[in-house]
N, C-alpha and C. Protein backbone atom coordinates (compact mmCIF):
# COMPACT_ATOMS: atom_id res chain seq x y z
N UNK A 1 8.73 15.67 202.24
CA UNK A 1 8.57 16.92 201.90
C UNK A 1 9.56 17.89 202.83
N UNK A 2 10.38 18.74 202.41
CA UNK A 2 11.43 19.38 203.29
C UNK A 2 10.93 20.91 203.03
N UNK A 3 10.76 21.56 204.21
CA UNK A 3 10.31 22.74 204.48
C UNK A 3 11.18 23.75 205.44
N UNK A 4 11.50 24.91 204.84
CA UNK A 4 12.25 25.80 205.70
C UNK A 4 11.35 26.77 206.24
N UNK A 5 11.42 26.96 207.48
CA UNK A 5 10.45 27.71 208.52
C UNK A 5 11.42 28.90 209.12
N UNK A 6 11.10 30.04 208.57
CA UNK A 6 11.69 31.33 209.10
C UNK A 6 10.75 32.07 209.95
N UNK A 7 11.25 32.15 211.18
CA UNK A 7 10.07 32.67 212.29
C UNK A 7 11.15 33.03 213.35
N UNK A 8 10.85 34.34 214.03
CA UNK A 8 11.70 34.76 215.08
C UNK A 8 11.11 34.58 216.54
N UNK A 9 9.88 34.12 216.44
CA UNK A 9 9.34 34.00 217.78
C UNK A 9 9.53 32.47 218.31
N UNK A 10 10.29 32.15 219.25
CA UNK A 10 10.65 30.75 219.60
C UNK A 10 9.56 29.82 219.83
N UNK A 11 8.53 30.32 220.43
CA UNK A 11 7.35 29.37 220.75
C UNK A 11 6.61 29.00 219.49
N UNK A 12 6.52 30.01 218.65
CA UNK A 12 5.86 29.66 217.36
C UNK A 12 6.55 28.81 216.57
N UNK A 13 7.95 29.09 216.44
CA UNK A 13 8.73 28.04 215.67
C UNK A 13 8.69 26.60 216.27
N UNK A 14 8.82 26.34 217.48
CA UNK A 14 8.73 25.03 217.98
C UNK A 14 7.52 24.48 217.84
N UNK A 15 6.47 25.19 218.20
CA UNK A 15 4.93 24.74 218.01
C UNK A 15 4.80 24.19 216.49
N UNK A 16 5.13 24.94 215.55
CA UNK A 16 4.94 24.75 214.13
C UNK A 16 5.71 23.55 213.64
N UNK A 17 7.01 23.55 214.23
CA UNK A 17 8.02 22.58 213.88
C UNK A 17 7.51 21.21 214.34
N UNK A 18 7.07 21.18 215.41
CA UNK A 18 6.61 19.79 215.98
C UNK A 18 5.32 19.42 215.44
N UNK A 19 4.31 20.29 215.13
CA UNK A 19 3.17 20.02 214.30
C UNK A 19 3.42 19.62 212.81
N UNK A 20 4.26 20.14 212.25
CA UNK A 20 4.53 19.88 210.96
C UNK A 20 5.22 18.55 210.76
N UNK A 21 6.33 18.17 211.65
CA UNK A 21 6.91 17.14 211.46
C UNK A 21 5.84 15.83 212.03
N UNK A 22 4.91 16.21 212.83
CA UNK A 22 3.95 15.11 213.14
C UNK A 22 3.10 14.79 212.02
N UNK A 23 2.91 15.75 210.92
CA UNK A 23 2.20 15.56 209.84
C UNK A 23 3.09 15.09 208.55
N UNK A 24 4.40 14.62 208.84
CA UNK A 24 5.15 14.10 207.88
C UNK A 24 6.14 15.01 207.26
N UNK A 25 6.42 16.29 207.73
CA UNK A 25 7.29 17.08 206.95
C UNK A 25 8.65 16.96 207.71
N UNK A 26 9.46 17.33 206.80
CA UNK A 26 10.95 17.57 207.38
C UNK A 26 11.12 19.09 207.54
N UNK A 27 11.71 19.39 208.60
CA UNK A 27 11.50 21.07 208.81
C UNK A 27 12.86 21.52 209.33
N UNK A 28 13.49 22.59 208.60
CA UNK A 28 14.66 23.29 209.00
C UNK A 28 14.09 24.84 209.51
N UNK A 29 14.85 25.11 210.44
CA UNK A 29 14.27 26.47 211.15
C UNK A 29 15.27 27.53 211.13
N UNK A 30 14.90 28.62 210.99
CA UNK A 30 15.77 29.99 211.04
C UNK A 30 15.14 31.01 211.84
N UNK A 31 15.83 31.46 212.85
CA UNK A 31 15.12 32.63 213.66
C UNK A 31 15.46 34.01 213.22
N UNK A 32 16.19 34.10 212.17
CA UNK A 32 16.25 35.52 211.74
C UNK A 32 16.35 35.43 210.12
N UNK A 33 16.34 36.60 209.28
CA UNK A 33 16.12 36.70 207.82
C UNK A 33 17.51 36.27 207.21
N UNK A 34 18.53 36.75 207.72
CA UNK A 34 19.84 36.36 207.21
C UNK A 34 20.11 34.89 207.31
N UNK A 35 19.91 34.22 208.43
CA UNK A 35 20.06 32.71 208.32
C UNK A 35 19.18 32.05 207.48
N UNK A 36 17.82 32.53 207.40
CA UNK A 36 17.00 31.93 206.58
C UNK A 36 17.27 31.97 205.12
N UNK A 37 17.83 33.30 204.86
CA UNK A 37 18.24 33.49 203.32
C UNK A 37 19.34 32.60 203.07
N UNK A 38 20.55 32.42 203.94
CA UNK A 38 21.49 31.64 203.65
C UNK A 38 21.01 30.16 203.43
N UNK A 39 20.22 29.78 204.22
CA UNK A 39 19.68 28.26 204.20
C UNK A 39 18.99 28.15 202.80
N UNK A 40 18.19 29.13 202.47
CA UNK A 40 17.38 28.88 201.27
C UNK A 40 18.43 28.90 200.01
N UNK A 41 19.61 29.47 200.12
CA UNK A 41 20.46 29.63 198.91
C UNK A 41 21.19 28.30 198.91
N UNK A 42 21.59 27.71 200.18
CA UNK A 42 22.27 26.62 200.19
C UNK A 42 21.81 25.24 199.89
N UNK A 43 20.57 25.18 200.29
CA UNK A 43 19.75 23.82 200.44
C UNK A 43 18.48 23.89 199.36
N UNK A 44 17.95 22.64 199.14
CA UNK A 44 16.98 22.53 198.32
C UNK A 44 15.67 22.36 199.20
N UNK A 45 14.56 23.08 199.10
CA UNK A 45 13.39 22.89 199.90
C UNK A 45 12.23 22.82 198.93
N UNK A 46 11.17 22.24 199.36
CA UNK A 46 10.02 22.08 198.60
C UNK A 46 9.13 23.35 198.80
N UNK A 47 9.28 23.84 199.92
CA UNK A 47 8.53 25.26 200.29
C UNK A 47 9.20 26.00 201.26
N UNK A 48 9.10 27.29 201.25
CA UNK A 48 9.73 28.17 202.20
C UNK A 48 8.47 28.98 202.97
N UNK A 49 8.32 28.92 204.27
CA UNK A 49 7.42 29.49 205.05
C UNK A 49 8.20 30.52 205.91
N UNK A 50 7.80 31.84 205.49
CA UNK A 50 8.50 32.83 206.27
C UNK A 50 7.63 33.81 206.84
N UNK A 51 8.03 34.45 208.14
CA UNK A 51 7.31 35.51 208.69
C UNK A 51 7.68 36.58 207.76
N UNK A 52 7.17 37.87 207.88
CA UNK A 52 7.48 39.07 207.24
C UNK A 52 8.38 39.98 207.88
N UNK A 53 7.92 40.22 209.31
CA UNK A 53 8.71 41.02 210.28
C UNK A 53 9.81 40.21 210.98
N UNK A 54 11.01 40.35 210.57
CA UNK A 54 12.11 39.40 210.94
C UNK A 54 13.47 40.28 211.28
N UNK A 55 14.34 39.99 212.14
CA UNK A 55 15.50 40.55 212.43
C UNK A 55 16.45 40.35 211.09
N UNK A 56 17.20 41.65 210.86
CA UNK A 56 18.19 41.77 209.80
C UNK A 56 17.81 41.85 208.48
N UNK A 57 16.83 40.76 208.02
CA UNK A 57 16.39 40.81 206.68
C UNK A 57 14.86 40.25 206.78
N UNK A 58 14.12 41.17 206.33
CA UNK A 58 12.45 40.85 206.40
C UNK A 58 12.20 39.93 205.35
N UNK A 59 10.87 39.27 205.43
CA UNK A 59 10.45 38.39 204.49
C UNK A 59 10.25 38.89 203.19
N UNK A 60 10.03 40.20 202.98
CA UNK A 60 9.88 40.85 201.73
C UNK A 60 11.37 40.77 201.03
N UNK A 61 12.24 41.12 201.70
CA UNK A 61 13.68 41.17 201.24
C UNK A 61 14.12 39.68 200.83
N UNK A 62 13.65 38.59 201.66
CA UNK A 62 14.06 37.24 201.31
C UNK A 62 13.45 37.00 200.04
N UNK A 63 12.16 37.19 199.78
CA UNK A 63 11.34 36.69 198.51
C UNK A 63 12.23 37.50 197.34
N UNK A 64 12.43 39.00 197.48
CA UNK A 64 13.00 39.62 196.32
C UNK A 64 14.28 39.05 195.93
N UNK A 65 15.19 38.91 197.01
CA UNK A 65 16.44 38.41 196.65
C UNK A 65 16.57 37.01 196.14
N UNK A 66 15.72 36.03 196.68
CA UNK A 66 15.58 34.69 195.96
C UNK A 66 15.14 34.70 194.72
N UNK A 67 14.14 35.44 194.47
CA UNK A 67 13.57 35.64 192.98
C UNK A 67 14.84 36.21 191.98
N UNK A 68 15.45 37.11 192.63
CA UNK A 68 16.55 37.73 191.84
C UNK A 68 17.52 36.69 191.42
N UNK A 69 17.93 35.71 192.17
CA UNK A 69 18.61 34.67 192.15
C UNK A 69 18.23 33.52 191.31
N UNK A 70 16.90 33.61 190.84
CA UNK A 70 16.25 32.76 189.93
C UNK A 70 15.59 31.63 190.60
N UNK A 71 15.58 31.72 192.09
CA UNK A 71 14.88 30.61 192.72
C UNK A 71 13.33 30.41 192.43
N UNK A 72 12.78 29.42 192.15
CA UNK A 72 11.39 29.27 192.01
C UNK A 72 10.76 28.52 193.06
N UNK A 73 11.32 28.28 194.13
CA UNK A 73 10.80 27.73 195.30
C UNK A 73 9.64 28.25 195.85
N UNK A 74 8.38 27.74 195.96
CA UNK A 74 7.46 28.26 196.44
C UNK A 74 7.45 28.96 197.84
N UNK A 75 6.92 30.16 198.05
CA UNK A 75 7.17 30.81 199.31
C UNK A 75 5.80 31.26 199.76
N UNK A 76 5.63 30.86 200.98
CA UNK A 76 4.42 31.36 201.70
C UNK A 76 4.71 32.38 202.89
N UNK A 77 4.17 33.68 202.84
CA UNK A 77 4.58 34.56 203.69
C UNK A 77 3.45 34.59 204.93
N UNK A 78 4.02 34.58 206.45
CA UNK A 78 3.26 34.82 207.38
C UNK A 78 3.32 36.03 208.18
N UNK A 79 2.26 36.49 208.33
CA UNK A 79 2.17 37.96 209.03
C UNK A 79 0.90 38.24 209.72
N UNK A 80 1.11 39.22 210.62
CA UNK A 80 -0.11 39.95 211.30
C UNK A 80 -0.69 41.03 210.33
N UNK A 81 0.08 41.29 209.44
CA UNK A 81 -0.34 42.55 208.49
C UNK A 81 -1.41 41.93 207.56
N UNK A 82 -2.64 42.39 207.28
CA UNK A 82 -3.61 41.79 206.81
C UNK A 82 -4.13 42.94 205.60
N UNK A 83 -3.54 44.12 205.44
CA UNK A 83 -3.97 44.93 204.49
C UNK A 83 -3.80 44.53 203.20
N UNK A 84 -4.68 45.11 202.16
CA UNK A 84 -4.48 44.57 200.80
C UNK A 84 -3.00 45.00 200.30
N UNK A 85 -2.70 46.40 200.57
CA UNK A 85 -1.40 46.82 200.20
C UNK A 85 -0.17 45.89 200.45
N UNK A 86 -0.37 45.38 201.75
CA UNK A 86 0.79 44.33 202.20
C UNK A 86 0.87 43.13 201.46
N UNK A 87 -0.48 42.59 201.12
CA UNK A 87 -0.48 41.37 200.36
C UNK A 87 -0.03 41.61 198.96
N UNK A 88 -0.48 42.80 198.35
CA UNK A 88 0.12 42.91 196.86
C UNK A 88 1.57 43.31 196.82
N UNK A 89 2.08 43.76 197.99
CA UNK A 89 3.51 43.93 197.92
C UNK A 89 4.12 42.64 197.87
N UNK A 90 3.92 41.82 198.69
CA UNK A 90 4.40 40.34 198.85
C UNK A 90 4.16 39.57 197.34
N UNK A 91 3.05 39.50 196.86
CA UNK A 91 2.74 39.01 195.73
C UNK A 91 3.57 39.57 194.40
N UNK A 92 3.59 40.82 194.63
CA UNK A 92 4.40 41.58 193.39
C UNK A 92 5.92 41.13 193.57
N UNK A 93 6.33 40.87 194.66
CA UNK A 93 7.77 40.50 194.85
C UNK A 93 8.12 39.05 194.36
N UNK A 94 6.87 38.30 194.30
CA UNK A 94 7.24 36.93 193.98
C UNK A 94 6.58 35.90 195.04
N UNK A 95 6.01 36.34 195.89
CA UNK A 95 5.45 35.19 196.89
C UNK A 95 4.26 34.58 196.45
N UNK A 96 4.26 33.31 196.66
CA UNK A 96 3.25 32.30 196.15
C UNK A 96 1.99 32.45 196.89
N UNK A 97 2.00 32.68 198.28
CA UNK A 97 0.77 32.62 199.01
C UNK A 97 0.97 33.63 200.28
N UNK A 98 0.03 33.94 200.93
CA UNK A 98 0.04 34.78 202.14
C UNK A 98 -0.89 34.29 203.33
N UNK A 99 -0.48 34.19 204.50
CA UNK A 99 -1.38 33.68 205.37
C UNK A 99 -1.27 34.63 206.77
N UNK A 100 -2.46 35.22 207.18
CA UNK A 100 -2.48 36.07 208.13
C UNK A 100 -2.58 35.26 209.51
N UNK A 101 -1.92 35.80 210.41
CA UNK A 101 -1.73 35.29 211.82
C UNK A 101 -3.04 35.96 212.58
N UNK A 102 -3.63 35.20 213.58
CA UNK A 102 -3.37 33.64 213.80
C UNK A 102 -4.21 32.70 212.70
N UNK A 103 -3.62 31.61 212.50
CA UNK A 103 -4.20 30.75 211.47
C UNK A 103 -4.12 29.29 212.21
N UNK A 104 -5.08 28.55 211.58
CA UNK A 104 -5.22 27.04 212.00
C UNK A 104 -3.99 26.41 211.42
N UNK A 105 -3.32 25.34 211.96
CA UNK A 105 -2.35 24.39 211.42
C UNK A 105 -2.89 23.92 210.16
N UNK A 106 -4.02 23.22 210.21
CA UNK A 106 -4.55 22.57 208.84
C UNK A 106 -4.72 23.45 207.76
N UNK A 107 -4.92 25.07 207.97
CA UNK A 107 -4.86 25.80 206.85
C UNK A 107 -3.56 26.09 206.30
N UNK A 108 -2.43 26.10 207.04
CA UNK A 108 -1.11 26.23 206.67
C UNK A 108 -0.62 24.83 205.80
N UNK A 109 -1.10 23.86 206.38
CA UNK A 109 -0.75 22.57 205.71
C UNK A 109 -1.44 22.56 204.28
N UNK A 110 -2.62 22.96 204.25
CA UNK A 110 -3.46 23.00 203.04
C UNK A 110 -2.82 23.91 202.04
N UNK A 111 -2.33 24.93 202.48
CA UNK A 111 -1.78 25.99 201.55
C UNK A 111 -0.23 25.42 201.04
N UNK A 112 0.32 24.90 202.03
CA UNK A 112 1.61 24.28 201.55
C UNK A 112 1.46 23.18 200.60
N UNK A 113 0.42 22.37 200.58
CA UNK A 113 0.06 21.02 199.76
C UNK A 113 -0.47 21.67 198.23
N UNK A 114 -1.15 22.89 198.33
CA UNK A 114 -1.44 23.56 196.93
C UNK A 114 -0.29 24.23 196.41
N UNK A 115 0.60 24.69 197.13
CA UNK A 115 1.76 25.41 196.30
C UNK A 115 2.69 24.43 195.73
N UNK A 116 2.77 23.49 196.52
CA UNK A 116 3.78 22.31 196.03
C UNK A 116 3.16 21.50 194.93
N UNK A 117 1.99 21.25 195.09
CA UNK A 117 1.22 20.37 194.05
C UNK A 117 1.20 21.13 192.63
N UNK A 118 0.98 22.32 192.86
CA UNK A 118 0.92 23.23 191.54
C UNK A 118 2.14 23.21 190.86
N UNK A 119 3.42 23.46 191.60
CA UNK A 119 4.69 23.50 191.06
C UNK A 119 4.95 22.04 190.50
N UNK A 120 4.59 20.94 191.39
CA UNK A 120 5.04 19.67 190.89
C UNK A 120 4.40 19.29 189.74
N UNK A 121 3.09 19.49 189.52
CA UNK A 121 2.34 19.18 188.47
C UNK A 121 2.77 19.93 187.19
N UNK A 122 3.23 21.09 187.10
CA UNK A 122 3.59 21.81 185.87
C UNK A 122 5.10 21.12 185.65
N UNK A 123 5.81 21.17 186.41
CA UNK A 123 7.20 20.60 186.02
C UNK A 123 7.11 19.10 185.42
N UNK A 124 6.32 18.32 185.94
CA UNK A 124 6.10 16.95 185.42
C UNK A 124 5.35 16.99 184.20
N UNK A 125 4.31 17.68 183.88
CA UNK A 125 3.42 17.49 182.87
C UNK A 125 3.75 18.35 181.60
N UNK A 126 4.38 19.49 181.92
CA UNK A 126 4.78 20.59 180.90
C UNK A 126 6.07 21.10 180.90
N UNK A 127 6.46 21.46 179.71
CA UNK A 127 7.99 22.24 179.76
C UNK A 127 7.74 23.59 179.03
N UNK A 128 7.20 23.79 177.95
CA UNK A 128 7.05 25.17 177.33
C UNK A 128 5.49 25.37 176.80
N UNK A 129 5.28 26.63 177.01
CA UNK A 129 3.95 27.05 176.28
C UNK A 129 4.49 28.03 175.34
N UNK A 130 3.76 27.95 174.14
CA UNK A 130 4.18 29.04 173.01
C UNK A 130 2.78 29.55 172.31
N UNK A 131 2.90 30.77 172.24
CA UNK A 131 1.97 31.57 171.47
C UNK A 131 2.55 32.63 170.60
N UNK A 132 2.33 32.78 169.43
CA UNK A 132 2.96 33.70 168.48
C UNK A 132 4.41 33.67 168.86
N UNK A 133 5.00 34.80 169.18
CA UNK A 133 6.41 35.17 169.43
C UNK A 133 6.64 34.87 170.93
N UNK A 134 5.63 34.68 171.76
CA UNK A 134 5.79 34.63 173.27
C UNK A 134 5.90 33.16 173.73
N UNK A 135 7.01 32.92 174.44
CA UNK A 135 7.30 31.63 174.98
C UNK A 135 7.28 31.82 176.43
N UNK A 136 6.70 30.57 177.07
CA UNK A 136 6.75 30.48 178.64
C UNK A 136 7.40 29.19 178.89
N UNK A 137 8.45 29.25 179.76
CA UNK A 137 9.23 27.97 180.19
C UNK A 137 8.66 27.65 181.62
N UNK A 138 8.10 26.52 181.68
CA UNK A 138 7.54 26.16 183.19
C UNK A 138 8.56 25.41 183.92
N UNK A 139 9.65 25.10 183.28
CA UNK A 139 10.81 24.59 184.15
C UNK A 139 11.63 25.43 184.74
N UNK A 140 12.00 26.49 183.89
CA UNK A 140 12.92 27.54 184.44
C UNK A 140 12.04 28.83 184.92
N UNK A 141 10.93 28.81 184.77
CA UNK A 141 9.83 30.06 185.02
C UNK A 141 10.34 31.21 184.30
N UNK A 142 10.78 31.03 183.09
CA UNK A 142 11.05 32.27 182.41
C UNK A 142 10.21 32.54 181.27
N UNK A 143 10.26 33.91 180.76
CA UNK A 143 9.38 34.16 179.74
C UNK A 143 10.09 34.98 178.78
N UNK A 144 9.91 34.69 177.36
CA UNK A 144 10.52 35.39 176.31
C UNK A 144 9.50 35.76 175.42
N UNK A 145 9.56 37.06 174.92
CA UNK A 145 8.86 37.42 173.86
C UNK A 145 9.75 37.86 172.57
N UNK A 146 10.02 37.18 171.58
CA UNK A 146 10.85 37.40 170.60
C UNK A 146 12.27 36.91 171.32
N UNK A 147 13.24 37.99 171.08
CA UNK A 147 14.61 37.74 171.75
C UNK A 147 14.70 38.41 173.11
N UNK A 148 13.62 38.93 173.51
CA UNK A 148 13.58 39.58 174.82
C UNK A 148 12.98 39.02 176.06
N UNK A 149 13.80 38.92 177.00
CA UNK A 149 13.12 38.17 178.34
C UNK A 149 12.46 39.25 179.20
N UNK A 150 11.27 38.78 179.51
CA UNK A 150 10.36 39.47 180.35
C UNK A 150 10.49 39.06 181.88
N UNK A 151 10.83 39.70 182.66
CA UNK A 151 10.62 39.59 184.19
C UNK A 151 9.32 39.55 184.78
N UNK A 152 8.75 38.45 185.30
CA UNK A 152 7.46 38.43 185.88
C UNK A 152 7.50 38.06 187.40
N UNK A 153 6.39 38.41 188.27
CA UNK A 153 6.42 37.88 189.49
C UNK A 153 5.74 36.51 189.48
N UNK A 154 5.65 35.93 190.64
CA UNK A 154 5.05 34.57 190.56
C UNK A 154 3.53 34.81 190.30
N UNK A 155 2.76 35.64 190.75
CA UNK A 155 1.39 35.73 190.26
C UNK A 155 1.28 36.14 188.91
N UNK A 156 1.96 37.18 188.32
CA UNK A 156 1.84 37.51 186.91
C UNK A 156 2.19 36.28 186.06
N UNK A 157 3.16 35.45 186.50
CA UNK A 157 3.52 34.23 185.64
C UNK A 157 2.17 33.18 185.68
N UNK A 158 1.58 33.09 186.91
CA UNK A 158 0.38 32.25 187.03
C UNK A 158 -0.73 32.74 186.08
N UNK A 159 -0.90 34.02 186.00
CA UNK A 159 -1.97 34.50 185.24
C UNK A 159 -1.79 34.38 183.70
N UNK A 160 -0.38 34.47 183.48
CA UNK A 160 0.06 34.31 181.97
C UNK A 160 -0.11 32.82 181.51
N UNK A 161 0.30 32.06 182.47
CA UNK A 161 0.02 30.43 182.26
C UNK A 161 -1.35 30.15 181.93
N UNK A 162 -2.29 30.66 182.74
CA UNK A 162 -3.71 30.41 182.59
C UNK A 162 -4.22 30.96 181.33
N UNK A 163 -3.71 32.13 180.96
CA UNK A 163 -4.34 32.73 179.71
C UNK A 163 -3.66 31.86 178.51
N UNK A 164 -2.41 31.55 178.68
CA UNK A 164 -1.83 30.69 177.32
C UNK A 164 -2.35 29.32 177.31
N UNK A 165 -2.82 28.68 178.41
CA UNK A 165 -3.48 27.35 178.31
C UNK A 165 -4.85 27.53 177.74
N UNK A 166 -5.31 28.68 177.88
CA UNK A 166 -6.89 28.87 177.56
C UNK A 166 -6.94 29.95 176.45
N UNK A 167 -6.10 29.88 175.53
CA UNK A 167 -5.90 31.06 174.67
C UNK A 167 -7.07 30.93 173.67
N UNK A 168 -7.63 32.10 173.40
CA UNK A 168 -8.87 32.02 172.56
C UNK A 168 -10.01 32.13 173.26
N UNK A 169 -10.20 31.79 174.56
CA UNK A 169 -11.31 31.69 175.55
C UNK A 169 -11.22 33.00 176.41
N UNK A 170 -12.20 33.48 176.59
CA UNK A 170 -12.36 34.64 177.54
C UNK A 170 -12.49 34.10 179.06
N UNK A 171 -11.66 34.42 179.97
CA UNK A 171 -11.51 34.00 181.26
C UNK A 171 -11.93 35.26 182.13
N UNK A 172 -13.05 34.94 182.93
CA UNK A 172 -13.52 35.98 183.90
C UNK A 172 -12.59 36.19 185.13
N UNK A 173 -12.61 37.37 185.56
CA UNK A 173 -11.70 37.64 186.83
C UNK A 173 -12.07 36.59 187.86
N UNK A 174 -13.20 36.26 188.09
CA UNK A 174 -13.63 35.20 189.15
C UNK A 174 -12.82 33.94 188.82
N UNK A 175 -12.90 33.49 187.54
CA UNK A 175 -12.28 32.21 187.22
C UNK A 175 -10.74 32.55 187.38
N UNK A 176 -10.15 33.61 186.95
CA UNK A 176 -8.64 33.74 187.32
C UNK A 176 -8.30 33.77 188.76
N UNK A 177 -9.13 34.41 189.49
CA UNK A 177 -9.03 34.42 190.91
C UNK A 177 -8.84 33.03 191.47
N UNK A 178 -9.90 32.15 191.18
CA UNK A 178 -9.96 30.77 191.68
C UNK A 178 -8.62 30.15 191.25
N UNK A 179 -8.25 30.31 190.02
CA UNK A 179 -7.19 29.50 189.48
C UNK A 179 -5.70 29.73 189.96
N UNK A 180 -5.57 31.19 190.23
CA UNK A 180 -4.18 31.52 190.60
C UNK A 180 -3.98 31.88 191.95
N UNK A 181 -5.10 32.56 192.86
CA UNK A 181 -5.01 32.72 194.14
C UNK A 181 -5.45 31.53 195.02
N UNK A 182 -6.17 30.54 194.42
CA UNK A 182 -6.72 29.33 195.21
C UNK A 182 -7.35 29.64 196.33
N UNK A 183 -6.83 29.47 197.51
CA UNK A 183 -7.73 29.48 198.80
C UNK A 183 -7.77 30.81 199.44
N UNK A 184 -7.15 31.83 198.95
CA UNK A 184 -7.04 33.06 199.54
C UNK A 184 -8.25 33.71 199.34
N UNK A 185 -9.11 33.64 200.44
CA UNK A 185 -10.74 34.26 200.30
C UNK A 185 -10.44 35.89 200.56
N UNK A 186 -9.37 36.12 200.98
CA UNK A 186 -9.29 37.79 201.14
C UNK A 186 -8.78 38.62 199.99
N UNK A 187 -8.42 37.80 198.89
CA UNK A 187 -8.10 38.54 197.63
C UNK A 187 -9.48 38.58 196.90
N UNK A 188 -9.71 39.72 196.34
CA UNK A 188 -10.82 40.19 195.66
C UNK A 188 -10.61 40.26 193.93
N UNK A 189 -11.60 40.43 193.18
CA UNK A 189 -11.49 40.69 191.77
C UNK A 189 -10.67 41.85 191.44
N UNK A 190 -10.61 42.84 192.37
CA UNK A 190 -9.94 44.16 192.13
C UNK A 190 -8.49 43.77 192.08
N UNK A 191 -7.87 42.79 192.79
CA UNK A 191 -6.67 42.56 192.80
C UNK A 191 -6.29 41.69 191.50
N UNK A 192 -7.20 40.98 191.02
CA UNK A 192 -6.91 40.36 189.58
C UNK A 192 -6.77 41.34 188.51
N UNK A 193 -7.62 42.55 188.59
CA UNK A 193 -7.52 43.60 187.69
C UNK A 193 -6.16 44.34 187.68
N UNK A 194 -5.79 44.59 188.88
CA UNK A 194 -4.45 45.35 189.12
C UNK A 194 -3.32 44.32 188.48
N UNK A 195 -3.30 43.13 188.86
CA UNK A 195 -2.18 42.27 188.39
C UNK A 195 -2.33 42.13 186.73
N UNK A 196 -3.43 42.10 186.26
CA UNK A 196 -3.68 41.79 184.77
C UNK A 196 -3.21 43.20 184.16
N UNK A 197 -3.32 44.43 184.81
CA UNK A 197 -2.97 45.58 184.17
C UNK A 197 -1.36 45.52 184.13
N UNK A 198 -0.72 45.14 185.19
CA UNK A 198 0.76 44.91 185.38
C UNK A 198 1.25 44.02 184.14
N UNK A 199 0.58 42.88 184.11
CA UNK A 199 0.96 41.94 183.02
C UNK A 199 0.89 42.30 181.63
N UNK A 200 -0.21 42.95 181.31
CA UNK A 200 -0.38 43.52 180.06
C UNK A 200 0.71 44.57 179.59
N UNK A 201 1.13 45.35 180.43
CA UNK A 201 2.14 46.26 180.27
C UNK A 201 3.37 45.55 179.87
N UNK A 202 3.79 44.50 180.71
CA UNK A 202 4.93 43.74 180.51
C UNK A 202 4.91 43.12 179.24
N UNK A 203 3.89 42.40 178.75
CA UNK A 203 3.82 41.51 177.67
C UNK A 203 3.67 42.30 176.41
N UNK A 204 2.80 43.21 176.44
CA UNK A 204 2.30 43.81 175.18
C UNK A 204 2.88 45.39 174.87
N UNK A 205 3.46 46.10 175.88
CA UNK A 205 3.95 47.44 175.78
C UNK A 205 5.15 47.46 174.88
N UNK A 206 5.06 48.36 173.84
CA UNK A 206 6.15 48.35 172.78
C UNK A 206 6.11 47.35 171.66
N UNK A 207 5.16 46.57 171.64
CA UNK A 207 4.96 45.61 170.55
C UNK A 207 3.67 46.07 169.65
N UNK A 208 3.87 45.88 168.40
CA UNK A 208 2.80 46.20 167.60
C UNK A 208 1.60 45.30 167.72
N UNK A 209 2.00 44.06 167.76
CA UNK A 209 0.95 42.85 167.93
C UNK A 209 0.65 42.63 169.39
N UNK A 210 -0.50 42.93 169.78
CA UNK A 210 -1.04 42.74 171.26
C UNK A 210 -1.45 41.37 171.35
N UNK A 211 -1.27 40.72 172.38
CA UNK A 211 -1.64 39.37 172.77
C UNK A 211 -2.77 39.20 173.77
N UNK A 212 -2.81 40.11 174.77
CA UNK A 212 -3.67 40.02 175.84
C UNK A 212 -4.78 41.12 175.78
N UNK A 213 -6.03 40.82 175.62
CA UNK A 213 -7.15 41.84 175.65
C UNK A 213 -8.11 41.72 176.90
N UNK A 214 -8.60 42.87 177.10
CA UNK A 214 -9.52 42.96 178.10
C UNK A 214 -10.90 43.25 177.44
N UNK A 215 -11.74 42.16 177.61
CA UNK A 215 -13.20 42.08 177.00
C UNK A 215 -14.13 42.75 178.06
N UNK A 216 -14.62 43.99 177.72
CA UNK A 216 -15.16 44.79 178.75
C UNK A 216 -16.45 43.93 179.24
N UNK A 217 -16.37 44.00 180.67
CA UNK A 217 -17.67 43.36 181.39
C UNK A 217 -17.59 41.85 181.41
N UNK A 218 -16.73 41.17 180.78
CA UNK A 218 -16.40 39.82 180.60
C UNK A 218 -15.23 39.15 181.34
N UNK A 219 -14.08 39.90 181.00
CA UNK A 219 -12.87 39.20 181.30
C UNK A 219 -11.61 39.50 180.34
N UNK A 220 -10.71 38.44 180.26
CA UNK A 220 -9.58 38.71 179.60
C UNK A 220 -9.32 37.39 178.65
N UNK A 221 -8.70 37.73 177.57
CA UNK A 221 -8.46 36.72 176.58
C UNK A 221 -6.94 36.94 175.84
N UNK A 222 -6.36 35.70 175.49
CA UNK A 222 -5.19 35.75 174.76
C UNK A 222 -5.47 35.47 173.40
N UNK A 223 -5.26 36.29 172.39
CA UNK A 223 -5.49 36.11 171.07
C UNK A 223 -4.72 37.06 170.06
N UNK A 224 -4.79 37.00 168.94
CA UNK A 224 -4.50 37.88 167.96
C UNK A 224 -5.66 38.24 167.23
N UNK A 225 -5.63 39.79 166.70
CA UNK A 225 -6.74 40.20 165.93
C UNK A 225 -6.72 39.62 164.41
């Protein structure tokens, strides 16, 4: 498994690189955002692990620009910033996970395995999900409703995938939290509500036929009336 590590603290970089290689990973490193972004565009990686505060181009900019280019490589952000707003910003731009410093190496490795396994399983097992005029392509990570393309962040995509796979079944906020955010204990059901509101606006706004419904006190369901 090949990892791109973008981090500007030399001691941290060398320590992580050595530890990851000892656990069987192949690691490329970049000490600033510009170099990291260039490597991410040029090479194929199983996962990108990036600090947020970086010289020249920060982690948020790296995530945003890679997603705008169509890259679906899993991205884990590392930072000392632990506020909910900071996490939401990273997720909204398309980050797959978020790890607050300081952290245990085994937790980083677990997060890497989770995001890469999720991507690998989806690509091997499924190609497209279809419900009414909504189509979700799991290979290209694209979403179409009718003839209109809908741009989603990584977490919005994950939520939509869960709903489409379980259409007709009400999914609680706790269940969606477990399936989409996995191991992030810092994320609450309030975050799920925020992302679901964003997703519903993108999927249903402007369409006569609504597909995602909020069942008060129970959760969310994909259905038609």
